[in-house]
Amino acid sequence: MNARNIKVEKTGDYFYDKVKPAIRLKGRWLEQAGFPPNSHARITVLADGVLQIQAITPSQPV
């Protein structure tokens, strides 16, 4: 599987200066990587700047 480079976007209320980072993942490559539509995933922070995204099977708690 190939690596992907994405942009960390800004989202939120600019008027009240409550802007926060957002990451949007989409594309057929997600399904090929084991994340079909309507499935669930667990995201774990492993270290500063390192996220782990793991598919959750129906038998695992969300």
C-alpha atoms as a PDB file:
ATOM      1  CA  MET A   1       0.000   0.000   0.000  1.00  0.00           C
ATOM      2  CA  ASN A   2       1.288   3.442  -0.886  1.00  0.00           C
ATOM      3  CA  ALA A   3       1.784   6.293   1.550  1.00  0.00           C
ATOM      4  CA  ARG A   4      -0.553   9.300   1.306  1.00  0.00           C
ATOM      5  CA  ASN A   5       0.204  12.948   1.966  1.00  0.00           C
ATOM      6  CA  ILE A   6      -2.742  15.021   3.140  1.00  0.00           C
ATOM      7  CA  LYS A   7      -3.289  18.521   4.475  1.00  0.00           C
ATOM      8  CA  VAL A   8      -4.333  19.178   8.057  1.00  0.00           C
ATOM      9  CA  GLU A   9      -7.177  21.668   7.594  1.00  0.00           C
ATOM     10  CA  LYS A  10      -8.603  24.362   9.857  1.00  0.00           C
ATOM     11  CA  THR A  11     -12.236  24.136  10.950  1.00  0.00           C
ATOM     12  CA  GLY A  12     -14.423  25.805  13.520  1.00  0.00           C
ATOM     13  CA  ASP A  13     -15.602  29.271  14.454  1.00  0.00           C
ATOM     14  CA  TYR A  14     -13.227  31.886  13.074  1.00  0.00           C
ATOM     15  CA  PHE A  15     -15.247  34.756  14.580  1.00  0.00           C
ATOM     16  CA  TYR A  16     -14.745  33.521  18.160  1.00  0.00           C
ATOM     17  CA  ASP A  17     -11.201  32.289  17.398  1.00  0.00           C
ATOM     18  CA  LYS A  18     -12.151  28.675  18.127  1.00  0.00           C
ATOM     19  CA  VAL A  19     -10.374  27.072  15.203  1.00  0.00           C
ATOM     20  CA  LYS A  20      -9.125  23.494  15.469  1.00  0.00           C
ATOM     21  CA  PRO A  21      -7.277  21.080  13.163  1.00  0.00           C
ATOM     22  CA  ALA A  22      -9.170  18.530  11.049  1.00  0.00           C
ATOM     23  CA  ILE A  23      -8.056  15.597   8.911  1.00  0.00           C
ATOM     24  CA  ARG A  24     -10.400  14.325   6.202  1.00  0.00           C
ATOM     25  CA  LEU A  25      -9.749  10.898   4.677  1.00  0.00           C
ATOM     26  CA  LYS A  26     -11.668   9.723   1.633  1.00  0.00           C
ATOM     27  CA  GLY A  27     -11.143   7.642  -1.453  1.00  0.00           C
ATOM     28  CA  ARG A  28     -11.353   4.122  -2.804  1.00  0.00           C
ATOM     29  CA  TRP A  29      -7.938   3.412  -1.286  1.00  0.00           C
ATOM     30  CA  LEU A  30      -9.580   3.343   2.171  1.00  0.00           C
ATOM     31  CA  GLU A  31     -11.792   0.426   1.162  1.00  0.00           C
ATOM     32  CA  GLN A  32      -8.794  -1.342  -0.353  1.00  0.00           C
ATOM     33  CA  ALA A  33      -7.010  -0.839   2.985  1.00  0.00           C
ATOM     34  CA  GLY A  34      -9.852  -2.548   4.916  1.00  0.00           C
ATOM     35  CA  PHE A  35     -12.133   0.409   5.735  1.00  0.00           C
ATOM     36  CA  PRO A  36     -15.388  -0.110   3.787  1.00  0.00           C
ATOM     37  CA  PRO A  37     -18.230   2.450   3.946  1.00  0.00           C
ATOM     38  CA  ASN A  38     -20.256   2.426   7.194  1.00  0.00           C
ATOM     39  CA  SER A  39     -17.536   0.552   9.085  1.00  0.00           C
ATOM     40  CA  HIS A  40     -15.927   1.747  12.313  1.00  0.00           C
ATOM     41  CA  ALA A  41     -12.317   2.586  13.117  1.00  0.00           C
ATOM     42  CA  ARG A  42     -10.287   3.216  16.248  1.00  0.00           C
ATOM     43  CA  ILE A  43      -7.682   5.980  16.207  1.00  0.00           C
ATOM     44  CA  THR A  44      -4.892   5.812  18.769  1.00  0.00           C
ATOM     45  CA  VAL A  45      -2.233   8.444  19.446  1.00  0.00           C
ATOM     46  CA  LEU A  46       1.030   6.492  19.628  1.00  0.00           C
ATOM     47  CA  ALA A  47       3.341   9.492  19.989  1.00  0.00           C
ATOM     48  CA  ASP A  48       3.456  13.178  19.195  1.00  0.00           C
ATOM     49  CA  GLY A  49       2.693  13.350  15.455  1.00  0.00           C
ATOM     50  CA  VAL A  50       1.902   9.625  15.143  1.00  0.00           C
ATOM     51  CA  LEU A  51      -1.661   8.260  14.762  1.00  0.00           C
ATOM     52  CA  GLN A  52      -2.648   4.624  14.336  1.00  0.00           C
ATOM     53  CA  ILE A  53      -5.920   3.930  12.499  1.00  0.00           C
ATOM     54  CA  GLN A  54      -7.319   0.445  13.003  1.00  0.00           C
ATOM     55  CA  ALA A  55     -10.456  -1.149  11.545  1.00  0.00           C
ATOM     56  CA  ILE A  56     -12.852  -2.471  14.185  1.00  0.00           C
ATOM     57  CA  THR A  57     -14.627  -5.715  13.426  1.00  0.00           C
ATOM     58  CA  PRO A  58     -18.317  -6.045  14.395  1.00  0.00           C
ATOM     59  CA  SER A  59     -17.414  -8.256  17.383  1.00  0.00           C
ATOM     60  CA  GLN A  60     -15.121  -5.591  18.891  1.00  0.00           C
ATOM     61  CA  PRO A  61     -16.572  -2.814  21.068  1.00  0.00           C
ATOM     62  CA  VAL A  62     -16.615   0.636  19.468  1.00  0.00           C
END
